[in-house]
PDB file of N, CA and C in Angstrom:
ATOM      1  N   UNK A   1      -5.269  83.766-272.092  1.00  0.00           N
ATOM      2  CA  UNK A   1      -3.963  84.156-271.748  1.00  0.00           C
ATOM      3  C   UNK A   1      -3.148  84.145-273.048  1.00  0.00           C
ATOM      4  N   UNK A   2      -2.269  85.120-273.204  1.00  0.00           N
ATOM      5  CA  UNK A   2      -1.457  85.249-274.233  1.00  0.00           C
ATOM      6  C   UNK A   2      -0.215  84.248-274.167  1.00  0.00           C
ATOM      7  N   UNK A   3       0.069  83.574-275.321  1.00  0.00           N
ATOM      8  CA  UNK A   3       1.171  82.561-275.398  1.00  0.00           C
ATOM      9  C   UNK A   3       2.232  83.273-276.265  1.00  0.00           C
ATOM     10  N   UNK A   4       3.542  83.285-275.635  1.00  0.00           N
ATOM     11  CA  UNK A   4       4.564  83.873-276.273  1.00  0.00           C
ATOM     12  C   UNK A   4       5.556  82.695-276.624  1.00  0.00           C
ATOM     13  N   UNK A   5       6.131  82.760-277.870  1.00  0.00           N
ATOM     14  CA  UNK A   5       7.205  81.698-278.203  1.00  0.00           C
ATOM     15  C   UNK A   5       8.254  81.885-277.157  1.00  0.00           C
ATOM     16  N   UNK A   6       8.848  80.694-276.832  1.00  0.00           N
ATOM     17  CA  UNK A   6       9.953  80.696-275.764  1.00  0.00           C
ATOM     18  C   UNK A   6      11.274  80.358-276.401  1.00  0.00           C
ATOM     19  N   UNK A   7      12.312  81.061-275.900  1.00  0.00           N
ATOM     20  CA  UNK A   7      13.705  80.658-276.356  1.00  0.00           C
ATOM     21  C   UNK A   7      14.429  80.271-275.075  1.00  0.00           C
ATOM     22  N   UNK A   8      14.862  79.178-275.024  1.00  0.00           N
ATOM     23  CA  UNK A   8      15.632  78.770-273.758  1.00  0.00           C
ATOM     24  C   UNK A   8      17.049  78.937-274.008  1.00  0.00           C
ATOM     25  N   UNK A   9      17.658  79.582-272.960  1.00  0.00           N
ATOM     26  CA  UNK A   9      19.067  79.953-272.999  1.00  0.00           C
ATOM     27  C   UNK A   9      19.899  79.234-271.973  1.00  0.00           C
ATOM     28  N   UNK A  10      20.710  78.472-272.565  1.00  0.00           N
ATOM     29  CA  UNK A  10      21.595  77.590-271.575  1.00  0.00           C
ATOM     30  C   UNK A  10      22.898  78.232-271.358  1.00  0.00           C
ATOM     31  N   UNK A  11      23.436  78.032-270.043  1.00  0.00           N
ATOM     32  CA  UNK A  11      24.796  78.480-269.779  1.00  0.00           C
ATOM     33  C   UNK A  11      25.797  77.324-269.993  1.00  0.00           C
ATOM     34  N   UNK A  12      25.141  76.096-270.236  1.00  0.00           N
ATOM     35  CA  UNK A  12      26.231  74.984-270.664  1.00  0.00           C
ATOM     36  C   UNK A  12      26.493  74.272-269.277  1.00  0.00           C
ATOM     37  N   UNK A  13      25.906  74.729-268.107  1.00  0.00           N
ATOM     38  CA  UNK A  13      26.258  74.070-266.747  1.00  0.00           C
ATOM     39  C   UNK A  13      25.771  72.597-266.803  1.00  0.00           C
ATOM     40  N   UNK A  14      26.505  71.699-266.317  1.00  0.00           N
ATOM     41  CA  UNK A  14      26.087  70.356-266.174  1.00  0.00           C
ATOM     42  C   UNK A  14      24.830  70.139-265.398  1.00  0.00           C
ATOM     43  N   UNK A  15      24.440  71.103-264.555  1.00  0.00           N
ATOM     44  CA  UNK A  15      23.294  70.883-263.610  1.00  0.00           C
ATOM     45  C   UNK A  15      22.113  71.192-264.519  1.00  0.00           C
ATOM     46  N   UNK A  16      22.095  71.911-265.540  1.00  0.00           N
ATOM     47  CA  UNK A  16      20.748  72.303-266.350  1.00  0.00           C
ATOM     48  C   UNK A  16      20.045  71.138-266.725  1.00  0.00           C
ATOM     49  N   UNK A  17      20.598  70.131-267.461  1.00  0.00           N
ATOM     50  CA  UNK A  17      19.932  69.008-267.933  1.00  0.00           C
ATOM     51  C   UNK A  17      19.420  68.124-266.751  1.00  0.00           C
ATOM     52  N   UNK A  18      20.227  68.020-265.711  1.00  0.00           N
ATOM     53  CA  UNK A  18      19.979  67.203-264.530  1.00  0.00           C
ATOM     54  C   UNK A  18      18.620  67.566-263.965  1.00  0.00           C
ATOM     55  N   UNK A  19      18.504  69.010-263.776  1.00  0.00           N
ATOM     56  CA  UNK A  19      17.314  69.507-262.975  1.00  0.00           C
ATOM     57  C   UNK A  19      16.317  70.004-263.735  1.00  0.00           C
ATOM     58  N   UNK A  20      16.569  70.248-265.151  1.00  0.00           N
ATOM     59  CA  UNK A  20      15.507  70.772-265.911  1.00  0.00           C
ATOM     60  C   UNK A  20      15.404  72.196-265.987  1.00  0.00           C
ATOM     61  N   UNK A  21      16.368  72.942-265.967  1.00  0.00           N
ATOM     62  CA  UNK A  21      16.114  74.357-266.045  1.00  0.00           C
ATOM     63  C   UNK A  21      17.148  75.058-267.126  1.00  0.00           C
ATOM     64  N   UNK A  22      16.836  76.323-267.506  1.00  0.00           N
ATOM     65  CA  UNK A  22      17.787  77.056-268.335  1.00  0.00           C
ATOM     66  C   UNK A  22      18.159  78.227-267.478  1.00  0.00           C
ATOM     67  N   UNK A  23      19.460  78.794-267.829  1.00  0.00           N
ATOM     68  CA  UNK A  23      19.915  80.049-267.253  1.00  0.00           C
ATOM     69  C   UNK A  23      18.908  81.167-267.424  1.00  0.00           C
ATOM     70  N   UNK A  24      18.317  81.143-268.593  1.00  0.00           N
ATOM     71  CA  UNK A  24      17.395  82.172-269.012  1.00  0.00           C
ATOM     72  C   UNK A  24      16.331  81.716-269.951  1.00  0.00           C
ATOM     73  N   UNK A  25      15.213  82.390-269.923  1.00  0.00           N
ATOM     74  CA  UNK A  25      14.167  82.087-270.933  1.00  0.00           C
ATOM     75  C   UNK A  25      13.631  83.389-271.488  1.00  0.00           C
ATOM     76  N   UNK A  26      13.588  83.503-272.832  1.00  0.00           N
ATOM     77  CA  UNK A  26      13.128  84.580-273.368  1.00  0.00           C
ATOM     78  C   UNK A  26      11.614  84.321-273.824  1.00  0.00           C
ATOM     79  N   UNK A  27      10.671  85.071-273.546  1.00  0.00           N
ATOM     80  CA  UNK A  27       9.196  84.870-273.819  1.00  0.00           C
ATOM     81  C   UNK A  27       8.783  86.163-274.410  1.00  0.00           C
ATOM     82  N   UNK A  28       8.636  86.291-275.750  1.00  0.00           N
ATOM     83  CA  UNK A  28       8.227  87.515-276.222  1.00  0.00           C
ATOM     84  C   UNK A  28       9.342  88.614-275.971  1.00  0.00           C
ATOM     85  N   UNK A  29       8.832  89.699-275.588  1.00  0.00           N
ATOM     86  CA  UNK A  29       9.832  90.749-275.152  1.00  0.00           C
ATOM     87  C   UNK A  29      10.466  90.748-273.782  1.00  0.00           C
ATOM     88  N   UNK A  30      10.006  89.649-273.000  1.00  0.00           N
ATOM     89  CA  UNK A  30      10.460  89.440-271.637  1.00  0.00           C
ATOM     90  C   UNK A  30      11.696  88.384-271.584  1.00  0.00           C
ATOM     91  N   UNK A  31      12.547  88.678-270.684  1.00  0.00           N
ATOM     92  CA  UNK A  31      13.608  87.732-270.401  1.00  0.00           C
ATOM     93  C   UNK A  31      13.588  87.536-268.966  1.00  0.00           C
ATOM     94  N   UNK A  32      13.621  86.222-268.517  1.00  0.00           N
ATOM     95  CA  UNK A  32      13.602  85.745-267.185  1.00  0.00           C
ATOM     96  C   UNK A  32      14.882  84.962-266.867  1.00  0.00           C
ATOM     97  N   UNK A  33      15.747  85.482-265.911  1.00  0.00           N
ATOM     98  CA  UNK A  33      16.963  84.864-265.602  1.00  0.00           C
ATOM     99  C   UNK A  33      16.744  84.008-264.355  1.00  0.00           C
ATOM    100  N   UNK A  34      17.174  82.820-264.382  1.00  0.00           N
ATOM    101  CA  UNK A  34      16.988  81.999-263.255  1.00  0.00           C
ATOM    102  C   UNK A  34      18.017  82.408-262.121  1.00  0.00           C
ATOM    103  N   UNK A  35      17.888  81.833-260.918  1.00  0.00           N
ATOM    104  CA  UNK A  35      18.852  82.162-259.826  1.00  0.00           C
ATOM    105  C   UNK A  35      20.196  81.814-260.212  1.00  0.00           C
ATOM    106  N   UNK A  36      21.138  82.565-259.872  1.00  0.00           N
ATOM    107  CA  UNK A  36      22.445  82.417-260.350  1.00  0.00           C
ATOM    108  C   UNK A  36      23.428  82.498-259.263  1.00  0.00           C
ATOM    109  N   UNK A  37      24.413  81.558-259.180  1.00  0.00           N
ATOM    110  CA  UNK A  37      25.340  81.546-258.107  1.00  0.00           C
ATOM    111  C   UNK A  37      26.784  81.592-258.918  1.00  0.00           C
ATOM    112  N   UNK A  38      27.880  81.773-257.964  1.00  0.00           N
ATOM    113  CA  UNK A  38      29.101  81.626-258.528  1.00  0.00           C
ATOM    114  C   UNK A  38      29.628  80.212-258.358  1.00  0.00           C
ATOM    115  N   UNK A  39      28.886  79.310-258.149  1.00  0.00           N
ATOM    116  CA  UNK A  39      29.278  77.886-258.020  1.00  0.00           C
ATOM    117  C   UNK A  39      29.792  77.257-259.297  1.00  0.00           C
ATOM    118  N   UNK A  40      30.643  76.335-259.062  1.00  0.00           N
ATOM    119  CA  UNK A  40      31.286  75.587-260.280  1.00  0.00           C
ATOM    120  C   UNK A  40      31.639  74.172-259.659  1.00  0.00           C
ATOM    121  N   UNK A  41      31.714  73.225-260.416  1.00  0.00           N
ATOM    122  CA  UNK A  41      32.169  71.899-259.953  1.00  0.00           C
ATOM    123  C   UNK A  41      33.273  71.820-259.091  1.00  0.00           C
ATOM    124  N   UNK A  42      34.327  72.712-259.371  1.00  0.00           N
ATOM    125  CA  UNK A  42      35.474  72.745-258.529  1.00  0.00           C
ATOM    126  C   UNK A  42      35.554  73.700-257.414  1.00  0.00           C
ATOM    127  N   UNK A  43      34.359  74.246-257.146  1.00  0.00           N
ATOM    128  CA  UNK A  43      34.214  75.170-256.129  1.00  0.00           C
ATOM    129  C   UNK A  43      33.707  76.689-256.567  1.00  0.00           C
ATOM    130  N   UNK A  44      33.343  77.381-255.651  1.00  0.00           N
ATOM    131  CA  UNK A  44      32.926  78.749-256.011  1.00  0.00           C
ATOM    132  C   UNK A  44      34.017  79.638-256.722  1.00  0.00           C
ATOM    133  N   UNK A  45      33.700  80.258-257.845  1.00  0.00           N
ATOM    134  CA  UNK A  45      34.524  81.233-258.556  1.00  0.00           C
ATOM    135  C   UNK A  45      34.673  82.364-257.516  1.00  0.00           C
ATOM    136  N   UNK A  46      35.820  82.821-257.219  1.00  0.00           N
ATOM    137  CA  UNK A  46      35.967  83.810-256.213  1.00  0.00           C
ATOM    138  C   UNK A  46      36.256  83.436-254.880  1.00  0.00           C
ATOM    139  N   UNK A  47      36.149  82.117-254.650  1.00  0.00           N
ATOM    140  CA  UNK A  47      36.498  81.508-253.437  1.00  0.00           C
ATOM    141  C   UNK A  47      35.508  82.083-252.310  1.00  0.00           C
ATOM    142  N   UNK A  48      36.140  82.494-251.229  1.00  0.00           N
ATOM    143  CA  UNK A  48      35.313  83.083-250.083  1.00  0.00           C
ATOM    144  C   UNK A  48      35.202  84.527-250.129  1.00  0.00           C
ATOM    145  N   UNK A  49      35.371  85.298-251.314  1.00  0.00           N
ATOM    146  CA  UNK A  49      35.412  86.641-251.539  1.00  0.00           C
ATOM    147  C   UNK A  49      34.004  86.929-252.098  1.00  0.00           C
ATOM    148  N   UNK A  50      33.091  87.557-251.256  1.00  0.00           N
ATOM    149  CA  UNK A  50      31.740  87.778-251.662  1.00  0.00           C
ATOM    150  C   UNK A  50      31.660  88.830-252.905  1.00  0.00           C
ATOM    151  N   UNK A  51      32.643  89.704-252.936  1.00  0.00           N
ATOM    152  CA  UNK A  51      32.569  90.625-254.077  1.00  0.00           C
ATOM    153  C   UNK A  51      33.032  89.941-255.322  1.00  0.00           C
ATOM    154  N   UNK A  52      34.019  89.121-255.264  1.00  0.00           N
ATOM    155  CA  UNK A  52      34.423  88.426-256.454  1.00  0.00           C
ATOM    156  C   UNK A  52      33.280  87.452-256.987  1.00  0.00           C
ATOM    157  N   UNK A  53      32.694  86.875-255.972  1.00  0.00           N
ATOM    158  CA  UNK A  53      31.490  85.857-256.292  1.00  0.00           C
ATOM    159  C   UNK A  53      30.449  86.755-257.109  1.00  0.00           C
ATOM    160  N   UNK A  54      30.157  87.854-256.534  1.00  0.00           N
ATOM    161  CA  UNK A  54      29.053  88.667-257.168  1.00  0.00           C
ATOM    162  C   UNK A  54      29.573  89.145-258.618  1.00  0.00           C
ATOM    163  N   UNK A  55      30.687  89.470-258.817  1.00  0.00           N
ATOM    164  CA  UNK A  55      31.181  89.909-260.149  1.00  0.00           C
ATOM    165  C   UNK A  55      30.976  88.727-261.043  1.00  0.00           C
ATOM    166  N   UNK A  56      31.230  87.470-260.588  1.00  0.00           N
ATOM    167  CA  UNK A  56      31.123  86.319-261.504  1.00  0.00           C
ATOM    168  C   UNK A  56      29.518  86.029-261.657  1.00  0.00           C
ATOM    169  N   UNK A  57      28.863  86.263-260.754  1.00  0.00           N
ATOM    170  CA  UNK A  57      27.288  86.070-260.933  1.00  0.00           C
ATOM    171  C   UNK A  57      26.875  87.012-261.922  1.00  0.00           C
ATOM    172  N   UNK A  58      27.277  88.350-261.826  1.00  0.00           N
ATOM    173  CA  UNK A  58      26.675  89.269-262.882  1.00  0.00           C
ATOM    174  C   UNK A  58      27.333  89.048-264.267  1.00  0.00           C
ATOM    175  N   UNK A  59      28.493  88.539-264.375  1.00  0.00           N
ATOM    176  CA  UNK A  59      29.156  88.161-265.635  1.00  0.00           C
ATOM    177  C   UNK A  59      28.299  87.090-266.221  1.00  0.00           C
ATOM    178  N   UNK A  60      27.823  86.096-265.510  1.00  0.00           N
ATOM    179  CA  UNK A  60      27.049  85.036-266.005  1.00  0.00           C
ATOM    180  C   UNK A  60      25.686  85.545-266.425  1.00  0.00           C
ATOM    181  N   UNK A  61      24.998  86.460-265.602  1.00  0.00           N
ATOM    182  CA  UNK A  61      23.852  86.972-266.020  1.00  0.00           C
ATOM    183  C   UNK A  61      23.796  87.845-267.238  1.00  0.00           C
ATOM    184  N   UNK A  62      25.015  88.671-267.210  1.00  0.00           N
ATOM    185  CA  UNK A  62      25.133  89.446-268.513  1.00  0.00           C
ATOM    186  C   UNK A  62      25.361  88.712-269.697  1.00  0.00           C
ATOM    187  N   UNK A  63      26.030  87.623-269.624  1.00  0.00           N
ATOM    188  CA  UNK A  63      26.154  86.731-270.827  1.00  0.00           C
ATOM    189  C   UNK A  63      24.761  86.008-271.223  1.00  0.00           C
ATOM    190  N   UNK A  64      23.890  85.734-270.311  1.00  0.00           N
ATOM    191  CA  UNK A  64      22.549  85.182-270.637  1.00  0.00           C
ATOM    192  C   UNK A  64      21.666  86.286-271.255  1.00  0.00           C
ATOM    193  N   UNK A  65      21.763  87.507-270.741  1.00  0.00           N
ATOM    194  CA  UNK A  65      21.011  88.618-271.190  1.00  0.00           C
ATOM    195  C   UNK A  65      21.520  88.896-272.676  1.00  0.00           C
ATOM    196  N   UNK A  66      22.794  88.859-272.826  1.00  0.00           N
ATOM    197  CA  UNK A  66      23.284  89.213-274.268  1.00  0.00           C
ATOM    198  C   UNK A  66      22.790  88.077-275.254  1.00  0.00           C
ATOM    199  N   UNK A  67      22.781  86.847-274.788  1.00  0.00           N
ATOM    200  CA  UNK A  67      22.373  85.808-275.583  1.00  0.00           C
ATOM    201  C   UNK A  67      20.766  85.935-275.976  1.00  0.00           C
ATOM    202  N   UNK A  68      19.988  86.641-274.991  1.00  0.00           N
ATOM    203  CA  UNK A  68      18.670  86.851-275.217  1.00  0.00           C
ATOM    204  C   UNK A  68      18.226  88.163-275.987  1.00  0.00           C
ATOM    205  N   UNK A  69      19.401  88.830-276.340  1.00  0.00           N
ATOM    206  CA  UNK A  69      19.260  90.147-277.019  1.00  0.00           C
ATOM    207  C   UNK A  69      19.047  91.274-276.115  1.00  0.00           C
ATOM    208  N   UNK A  70      19.380  91.193-274.868  1.00  0.00           N
ATOM    209  CA  UNK A  70      19.106  92.262-273.803  1.00  0.00           C
ATOM    210  C   UNK A  70      20.359  92.692-273.123  1.00  0.00           C
ATOM    211  N   UNK A  71      20.286  93.715-272.439  1.00  0.00           N
ATOM    212  CA  UNK A  71      21.362  94.177-271.573  1.00  0.00           C
ATOM    213  C   UNK A  71      21.043  94.439-270.166  1.00  0.00           C
ATOM    214  N   UNK A  72      21.956  94.873-269.175  1.00  0.00           N
ATOM    215  CA  UNK A  72      21.408  95.229-267.942  1.00  0.00           C
ATOM    216  C   UNK A  72      20.683  96.383-267.895  1.00  0.00           C
ATOM    217  N   UNK A  73      20.672  97.296-268.909  1.00  0.00           N
ATOM    218  CA  UNK A  73      19.750  98.434-269.116  1.00  0.00           C
ATOM    219  C   UNK A  73      18.422  98.048-269.250  1.00  0.00           C
ATOM    220  N   UNK A  74      18.013  96.762-269.528  1.00  0.00           N
ATOM    221  CA  UNK A  74      16.686  96.261-269.733  1.00  0.00           C
ATOM    222  C   UNK A  74      16.156  95.673-268.449  1.00  0.00           C
ATOM    223  N   UNK A  75      16.975  95.455-267.464  1.00  0.00           N
ATOM    224  CA  UNK A  75      16.595  94.826-266.180  1.00  0.00           C
ATOM    225  C   UNK A  75      15.845  95.761-265.318  1.00  0.00           C
ATOM    226  N   UNK A  76      14.598  95.230-264.835  1.00  0.00           N
ATOM    227  CA  UNK A  76      13.708  96.044-264.025  1.00  0.00           C
ATOM    228  C   UNK A  76      13.654  95.746-262.469  1.00  0.00           C
ATOM    229  N   UNK A  77      14.229  94.479-262.301  1.00  0.00           N
ATOM    230  CA  UNK A  77      14.230  94.094-260.901  1.00  0.00           C
ATOM    231  C   UNK A  77      15.370  92.989-260.651  1.00  0.00           C
ATOM    232  N   UNK A  78      16.054  93.027-259.477  1.00  0.00           N
ATOM    233  CA  UNK A  78      17.029  92.176-259.121  1.00  0.00           C
ATOM    234  C   UNK A  78      16.576  91.737-257.653  1.00  0.00           C
ATOM    235  N   UNK A  79      17.110  90.606-257.218  1.00  0.00           N
ATOM    236  CA  UNK A  79      16.786  90.088-255.909  1.00  0.00           C
ATOM    237  C   UNK A  79      18.050  89.392-255.547  1.00  0.00           C
ATOM    238  N   UNK A  80      18.638  89.732-254.317  1.00  0.00           N
ATOM    239  CA  UNK A  80      19.857  89.147-253.865  1.00  0.00           C
ATOM    240  C   UNK A  80      19.534  88.436-252.525  1.00  0.00           C
ATOM    241  N   UNK A  81      20.073  87.228-252.287  1.00  0.00           N
ATOM    242  CA  UNK A  81      19.954  86.448-251.172  1.00  0.00           C
ATOM    243  C   UNK A  81      21.505  86.285-250.698  1.00  0.00           C
ATOM    244  N   UNK A  82      21.564  86.600-249.372  1.00  0.00           N
ATOM    245  CA  UNK A  82      22.940  86.412-248.767  1.00  0.00           C
ATOM    246  C   UNK A  82      22.791  85.374-247.742  1.00  0.00           C
ATOM    247  N   UNK A  83      23.930  84.634-247.649  1.00  0.00           N
ATOM    248  CA  UNK A  83      24.097  83.597-246.599  1.00  0.00           C
ATOM    249  C   UNK A  83      24.406  84.201-245.370  1.00  0.00           C
ATOM    250  N   UNK A  84      25.279  85.394-245.524  1.00  0.00           N
ATOM    251  CA  UNK A  84      25.785  86.057-244.226  1.00  0.00           C
ATOM    252  C   UNK A  84      25.471  87.625-244.448  1.00  0.00           C
ATOM    253  N   UNK A  85      24.626  88.260-243.625  1.00  0.00           N
ATOM    254  CA  UNK A  85      24.402  89.682-243.726  1.00  0.00           C
ATOM    255  C   UNK A  85      25.615  90.461-243.785  1.00  0.00           C
ATOM    256  N   UNK A  86      26.754  89.790-243.086  1.00  0.00           N
ATOM    257  CA  UNK A  86      27.853  90.839-243.065  1.00  0.00           C
ATOM    258  C   UNK A  86      28.559  90.971-244.426  1.00  0.00           C
ATOM    259  N   UNK A  87      27.982  90.249-245.435  1.00  0.00           N
ATOM    260  CA  UNK A  87      28.533  90.330-246.783  1.00  0.00           C
ATOM    261  C   UNK A  87      27.788  91.461-247.450  1.00  0.00           C
ATOM    262  N   UNK A  88      26.777  92.076-247.009  1.00  0.00           N
ATOM    263  CA  UNK A  88      25.916  92.958-247.527  1.00  0.00           C
ATOM    264  C   UNK A  88      26.738  94.162-248.270  1.00  0.00           C
ATOM    265  N   UNK A  89      27.665  94.709-247.543  1.00  0.00           N
ATOM    266  CA  UNK A  89      28.274  95.946-248.072  1.00  0.00           C
ATOM    267  C   UNK A  89      29.163  95.600-249.368  1.00  0.00           C
ATOM    268  N   UNK A  90      29.912  94.432-249.301  1.00  0.00           N
ATOM    269  CA  UNK A  90      30.633  94.051-250.449  1.00  0.00           C
ATOM    270  C   UNK A  90      29.756  93.642-251.621  1.00  0.00           C
ATOM    271  N   UNK A  91      28.664  92.946-251.423  1.00  0.00           N
ATOM    272  CA  UNK A  91      27.893  92.490-252.448  1.00  0.00           C
ATOM    273  C   UNK A  91      27.072  93.760-253.031  1.00  0.00           C
ATOM    274  N   UNK A  92      26.633  94.568-252.145  1.00  0.00           N
ATOM    275  CA  UNK A  92      26.074  95.688-252.591  1.00  0.00           C
ATOM    276  C   UNK A  92      26.753  96.676-253.413  1.00  0.00           C
ATOM    277  N   UNK A  93      27.984  96.779-253.100  1.00  0.00           N
ATOM    278  CA  UNK A  93      28.905  97.729-253.817  1.00  0.00           C
ATOM    279  C   UNK A  93      29.104  97.285-255.312  1.00  0.00           C
ATOM    280  N   UNK A  94      29.251  95.901-255.448  1.00  0.00           N
ATOM    281  CA  UNK A  94      29.303  95.344-256.794  1.00  0.00           C
ATOM    282  C   UNK A  94      28.127  95.410-257.514  1.00  0.00           C
ATOM    283  N   UNK A  95      26.877  95.231-256.945  1.00  0.00           N
ATOM    284  CA  UNK A  95      25.576  95.470-257.486  1.00  0.00           C
ATOM    285  C   UNK A  95      25.506  96.889-257.908  1.00  0.00           C
ATOM    286  N   UNK A  96      25.955  97.869-257.229  1.00  0.00           N
ATOM    287  CA  UNK A  96      25.883  99.202-257.532  1.00  0.00           C
ATOM    288  C   UNK A  96      26.702  99.546-258.870  1.00  0.00           C
ATOM    289  N   UNK A  97      27.739  98.672-259.216  1.00  0.00           N
ATOM    290  CA  UNK A  97      28.516  98.865-260.415  1.00  0.00           C
ATOM    291  C   UNK A  97      27.740  98.620-261.704  1.00  0.00           C
ATOM    292  N   UNK A  98      26.764  97.854-261.607  1.00  0.00           N
ATOM    293  CA  UNK A  98      25.968  97.443-262.919  1.00  0.00           C
ATOM    294  C   UNK A  98      24.957  98.458-263.329  1.00  0.00           C
TER     295      UNK A  98
END
């Protein structure tokens, strides 16, 4: 198995050291971004607006990619989980913006 040097990329979230994860990890030429939400200690950024929450999520992911030396143009796959399928159109529209 090939071993790549790893670079851990932290978002500064208080939860990262508690549960032992990083927002992203760069391993060689690959960047792996952890599951990302709009959650914050004071509540979700964007409140109950799924489009605004999605924009915040992509802002966080974009920042992690930038720290890893990548951009959204380098992304080959995304995965979206919705709590309510009725949010599909709003979330999908923002996803289509990137």
